[in-house]
């Protein structure tokens, strides 16, 4: 919930980001809490199902989506690694319900997109064609930076 509260804080002027530092830090902390707390569930199918239902589904996991946008926006490798760890953690929960399976698939796909984007950036897309394709794709999803296609 902290991420939702911090989401309304405007990003620092001139930062080129959609998100305030408080919002990003809150998102990182939420994902780290999720990763640290998974161990307490053990192998209990009931606890996993309850956790997924109450924590992951009833309150959408906005921190993942905020960090995803930040990773695309800033090419931030530390946050990309955090997203990958989160998606991998969902792999352990996907048996809890069909909804958990869908969330895992969505997050894994988004991580794959972010990884491909980073790979393309590091390989040096000289003509900017890939950036335009990603901007258009992200804009169509409603996730692009202000001014990108569809936003």
C-alpha atoms as a PDB file:
ATOM      1  CA  UNK A   1       0.000   0.000   0.000  1.00  0.00           C
ATOM      2  CA  UNK A   2       2.936   2.294   0.632  1.00  0.00           C
ATOM      3  CA  UNK A   3       3.758   2.207  -3.068  1.00  0.00           C
ATOM      4  CA  UNK A   4       0.243   3.430  -3.915  1.00  0.00           C
ATOM      5  CA  UNK A   5       0.596   6.312  -1.470  1.00  0.00           C
ATOM      6  CA  UNK A   6       4.030   7.277  -2.788  1.00  0.00           C
ATOM      7  CA  UNK A   7       2.883   6.994  -6.399  1.00  0.00           C
ATOM      8  CA  UNK A   8       1.065  10.342  -6.129  1.00  0.00           C
ATOM      9  CA  UNK A   9       4.282  12.175  -5.233  1.00  0.00           C
ATOM     10  CA  UNK A  10       5.538  13.838  -8.406  1.00  0.00           C
ATOM     11  CA  UNK A  11       8.908  12.814  -9.795  1.00  0.00           C
ATOM     12  CA  UNK A  12      11.698  15.323  -9.241  1.00  0.00           C
ATOM     13  CA  UNK A  13      11.621  18.008 -11.895  1.00  0.00           C
ATOM     14  CA  UNK A  14      14.109  17.360 -14.649  1.00  0.00           C
ATOM     15  CA  UNK A  15      14.672  13.752 -13.566  1.00  0.00           C
ATOM     16  CA  UNK A  16      13.175  12.348 -16.753  1.00  0.00           C
ATOM     17  CA  UNK A  17      11.351   9.777 -14.640  1.00  0.00           C
ATOM     18  CA  UNK A  18       7.675   9.096 -14.086  1.00  0.00           C
ATOM     19  CA  UNK A  19       8.276   8.107 -10.462  1.00  0.00           C
ATOM     20  CA  UNK A  20       9.435   9.840  -7.316  1.00  0.00           C
ATOM     21  CA  UNK A  21      12.409   8.459  -5.423  1.00  0.00           C
ATOM     22  CA  UNK A  22      10.036   7.570  -2.570  1.00  0.00           C
ATOM     23  CA  UNK A  23       7.806   5.571  -4.909  1.00  0.00           C
ATOM     24  CA  UNK A  24      10.759   3.653  -6.356  1.00  0.00           C
ATOM     25  CA  UNK A  25      12.217   2.933  -2.923  1.00  0.00           C
ATOM     26  CA  UNK A  26       8.828   1.775  -1.651  1.00  0.00           C
ATOM     27  CA  UNK A  27       8.512  -0.538  -4.671  1.00  0.00           C
ATOM     28  CA  UNK A  28      11.973  -1.998  -4.067  1.00  0.00           C
ATOM     29  CA  UNK A  29      11.193  -2.540  -0.390  1.00  0.00           C
ATOM     30  CA  UNK A  30       7.884  -4.265  -1.184  1.00  0.00           C
ATOM     31  CA  UNK A  31       9.582  -6.712  -3.544  1.00  0.00           C
ATOM     32  CA  UNK A  32      12.367  -7.368  -1.027  1.00  0.00           C
ATOM     33  CA  UNK A  33       9.771  -8.015   1.713  1.00  0.00           C
ATOM     34  CA  UNK A  34       7.984 -10.447  -0.603  1.00  0.00           C
ATOM     35  CA  UNK A  35      11.253 -12.262  -1.363  1.00  0.00           C
ATOM     36  CA  UNK A  36      12.250 -12.419   2.309  1.00  0.00           C
ATOM     37  CA  UNK A  37       8.804 -13.544   3.453  1.00  0.00           C
ATOM     38  CA  UNK A  38       8.397 -16.429   1.028  1.00  0.00           C
ATOM     39  CA  UNK A  39      10.555 -18.668   3.184  1.00  0.00           C
ATOM     40  CA  UNK A  40       8.008 -18.516   5.983  1.00  0.00           C
ATOM     41  CA  UNK A  41       5.412 -20.249   3.799  1.00  0.00           C
ATOM     42  CA  UNK A  42       7.401 -23.470   3.657  1.00  0.00           C
ATOM     43  CA  UNK A  43       5.845 -26.186   1.520  1.00  0.00           C
ATOM     44  CA  UNK A  44       2.297 -25.579   2.735  1.00  0.00           C
ATOM     45  CA  UNK A  45      -0.053 -25.408  -0.253  1.00  0.00           C
ATOM     46  CA  UNK A  46      -2.676 -23.767   1.982  1.00  0.00           C
ATOM     47  CA  UNK A  47      -0.321 -20.971   3.092  1.00  0.00           C
ATOM     48  CA  UNK A  48       0.837 -20.379  -0.477  1.00  0.00           C
ATOM     49  CA  UNK A  49      -2.737 -20.197  -1.735  1.00  0.00           C
ATOM     50  CA  UNK A  50      -3.747 -17.842   1.077  1.00  0.00           C
ATOM     51  CA  UNK A  51      -0.691 -15.645   0.502  1.00  0.00           C
ATOM     52  CA  UNK A  52      -1.353 -15.427  -3.229  1.00  0.00           C
ATOM     53  CA  UNK A  53      -5.049 -14.684  -2.718  1.00  0.00           C
ATOM     54  CA  UNK A  54      -4.702 -12.055  -0.022  1.00  0.00           C
ATOM     55  CA  UNK A  55      -1.373 -10.467  -0.808  1.00  0.00           C
ATOM     56  CA  UNK A  56      -0.850 -10.811  -4.517  1.00  0.00           C
ATOM     57  CA  UNK A  57      -4.350 -10.734  -5.983  1.00  0.00           C
ATOM     58  CA  UNK A  58      -6.556  -8.555  -3.785  1.00  0.00           C
ATOM     59  CA  UNK A  59      -4.036  -5.736  -3.768  1.00  0.00           C
ATOM     60  CA  UNK A  60      -2.420  -5.638  -7.210  1.00  0.00           C
ATOM     61  CA  UNK A  61       1.316  -5.900  -6.973  1.00  0.00           C
ATOM     62  CA  UNK A  62       2.011  -2.383  -8.215  1.00  0.00           C
ATOM     63  CA  UNK A  63       5.660  -2.392  -7.081  1.00  0.00           C
ATOM     64  CA  UNK A  64       6.539  -4.866  -9.841  1.00  0.00           C
ATOM     65  CA  UNK A  65       4.909  -2.761 -12.534  1.00  0.00           C
ATOM     66  CA  UNK A  66       6.445   0.473 -11.251  1.00  0.00           C
ATOM     67  CA  UNK A  67       9.930  -1.038 -11.218  1.00  0.00           C
ATOM     68  CA  UNK A  68       9.339  -2.539 -14.659  1.00  0.00           C
ATOM     69  CA  UNK A  69       8.600   0.926 -16.052  1.00  0.00           C
ATOM     70  CA  UNK A  70      11.630   2.326 -14.228  1.00  0.00           C
ATOM     71  CA  UNK A  71      13.876  -0.422 -15.624  1.00  0.00           C
ATOM     72  CA  UNK A  72      12.765   0.397 -19.170  1.00  0.00           C
ATOM     73  CA  UNK A  73      12.992   4.124 -18.520  1.00  0.00           C
ATOM     74  CA  UNK A  74      16.433   4.115 -16.869  1.00  0.00           C
ATOM     75  CA  UNK A  75      18.090   0.848 -17.941  1.00  0.00           C
ATOM     76  CA  UNK A  76      18.680   0.042 -14.256  1.00  0.00           C
ATOM     77  CA  UNK A  77      20.390  -3.356 -13.916  1.00  0.00           C
ATOM     78  CA  UNK A  78      19.918  -3.621 -10.126  1.00  0.00           C
ATOM     79  CA  UNK A  79      16.173  -3.153 -10.437  1.00  0.00           C
ATOM     80  CA  UNK A  80      16.111  -5.561 -13.391  1.00  0.00           C
ATOM     81  CA  UNK A  81      17.726  -8.195 -11.163  1.00  0.00           C
ATOM     82  CA  UNK A  82      15.105  -7.486  -8.503  1.00  0.00           C
ATOM     83  CA  UNK A  83      12.332  -7.976 -11.088  1.00  0.00           C
ATOM     84  CA  UNK A  84      13.876 -11.263 -12.198  1.00  0.00           C
ATOM     85  CA  UNK A  85      14.078 -12.464  -8.588  1.00  0.00           C
ATOM     86  CA  UNK A  86      10.425 -11.539  -8.100  1.00  0.00           C
ATOM     87  CA  UNK A  87       9.324 -13.407 -11.237  1.00  0.00           C
ATOM     88  CA  UNK A  88      11.380 -16.444 -10.183  1.00  0.00           C
ATOM     89  CA  UNK A  89       9.713 -16.346  -6.767  1.00  0.00           C
ATOM     90  CA  UNK A  90       6.297 -16.487  -8.426  1.00  0.00           C
ATOM     91  CA  UNK A  91       7.364 -19.696 -10.128  1.00  0.00           C
ATOM     92  CA  UNK A  92       7.251 -21.268  -6.639  1.00  0.00           C
ATOM     93  CA  UNK A  93       3.711 -19.961  -6.089  1.00  0.00           C
ATOM     94  CA  UNK A  94       2.159 -20.651  -9.487  1.00  0.00           C
ATOM     95  CA  UNK A  95       0.660 -23.956  -8.327  1.00  0.00           C
ATOM     96  CA  UNK A  96      -1.426 -22.105  -5.721  1.00  0.00           C
ATOM     97  CA  UNK A  97      -4.090 -21.066  -8.244  1.00  0.00           C
ATOM     98  CA  UNK A  98      -4.817 -20.345 -11.887  1.00  0.00           C
ATOM     99  CA  UNK A  99      -4.550 -16.654 -11.075  1.00  0.00           C
ATOM    100  CA  UNK A 100      -1.083 -17.157  -9.593  1.00  0.00           C
ATOM    101  CA  UNK A 101      -0.079 -18.994 -12.773  1.00  0.00           C
ATOM    102  CA  UNK A 102      -1.316 -16.062 -14.859  1.00  0.00           C
ATOM    103  CA  UNK A 103       0.535 -13.539 -12.682  1.00  0.00           C
ATOM    104  CA  UNK A 104       3.714 -15.607 -12.997  1.00  0.00           C
ATOM    105  CA  UNK A 105       3.329 -15.758 -16.797  1.00  0.00           C
ATOM    106  CA  UNK A 106       2.703 -12.008 -17.011  1.00  0.00           C
ATOM    107  CA  UNK A 107       5.651 -11.082 -14.783  1.00  0.00           C
ATOM    108  CA  UNK A 108       7.977 -13.536 -16.529  1.00  0.00           C
ATOM    109  CA  UNK A 109       6.996 -12.151 -19.933  1.00  0.00           C
ATOM    110  CA  UNK A 110       7.542  -8.590 -18.733  1.00  0.00           C
ATOM    111  CA  UNK A 111      10.954  -9.575 -17.318  1.00  0.00           C
ATOM    112  CA  UNK A 112      11.844 -11.180 -20.638  1.00  0.00           C
ATOM    113  CA  UNK A 113      10.876  -7.947 -22.431  1.00  0.00           C
ATOM    114  CA  UNK A 114      12.964  -5.876 -20.002  1.00  0.00           C
ATOM    115  CA  UNK A 115      15.943  -8.240 -20.403  1.00  0.00           C
ATOM    116  CA  UNK A 116      15.682  -8.111 -24.202  1.00  0.00           C
ATOM    117  CA  UNK A 117      15.464  -4.327 -24.043  1.00  0.00           C
ATOM    118  CA  UNK A 118      18.577  -4.126 -21.868  1.00  0.00           C
ATOM    119  CA  UNK A 119      20.422  -6.511 -24.153  1.00  0.00           C
ATOM    120  CA  UNK A 120      19.538  -4.387 -27.174  1.00  0.00           C
ATOM    121  CA  UNK A 121      20.603  -1.210 -25.384  1.00  0.00           C
ATOM    122  CA  UNK A 122      23.953  -2.713 -24.334  1.00  0.00           C
ATOM    123  CA  UNK A 123      24.588  -3.921 -27.887  1.00  0.00           C
ATOM    124  CA  UNK A 124      24.260  -0.321 -28.994  1.00  0.00           C
ATOM    125  CA  UNK A 125      21.196   0.254 -31.127  1.00  0.00           C
ATOM    126  CA  UNK A 126      22.874   2.965 -33.199  1.00  0.00           C
ATOM    127  CA  UNK A 127      19.949   4.114 -35.309  1.00  0.00           C
ATOM    128  CA  UNK A 128      17.396   4.149 -32.494  1.00  0.00           C
ATOM    129  CA  UNK A 129      15.039   1.800 -34.350  1.00  0.00           C
ATOM    130  CA  UNK A 130      14.729  -0.551 -31.391  1.00  0.00           C
ATOM    131  CA  UNK A 131      14.045   2.297 -28.987  1.00  0.00           C
ATOM    132  CA  UNK A 132      11.211   3.457 -31.229  1.00  0.00           C
ATOM    133  CA  UNK A 133       9.753  -0.074 -31.365  1.00  0.00           C
ATOM    134  CA  UNK A 134       9.935  -0.430 -27.580  1.00  0.00           C
ATOM    135  CA  UNK A 135       8.486   3.050 -27.045  1.00  0.00           C
ATOM    136  CA  UNK A 136       5.586   2.185 -29.329  1.00  0.00           C
ATOM    137  CA  UNK A 137       5.031  -1.184 -27.618  1.00  0.00           C
ATOM    138  CA  UNK A 138       5.193   0.341 -24.139  1.00  0.00           C
ATOM    139  CA  UNK A 139       2.908   3.188 -25.184  1.00  0.00           C
ATOM    140  CA  UNK A 140       0.309   0.739 -26.446  1.00  0.00           C
ATOM    141  CA  UNK A 141       0.436  -0.972 -23.062  1.00  0.00           C
ATOM    142  CA  UNK A 142       0.023   2.396 -21.335  1.00  0.00           C
ATOM    143  CA  UNK A 143       3.439   2.024 -19.713  1.00  0.00           C
ATOM    144  CA  UNK A 144       5.603   4.368 -21.732  1.00  0.00           C
ATOM    145  CA  UNK A 145       7.145   7.594 -20.593  1.00  0.00           C
ATOM    146  CA  UNK A 146       5.111  10.760 -21.120  1.00  0.00           C
ATOM    147  CA  UNK A 147       5.282  11.693 -24.774  1.00  0.00           C
ATOM    148  CA  UNK A 148       5.796   8.123 -25.975  1.00  0.00           C
ATOM    149  CA  UNK A 149       3.341   6.648 -28.460  1.00  0.00           C
ATOM    150  CA  UNK A 150      -0.079   6.029 -26.978  1.00  0.00           C
ATOM    151  CA  UNK A 151       0.580   7.754 -23.669  1.00  0.00           C
END
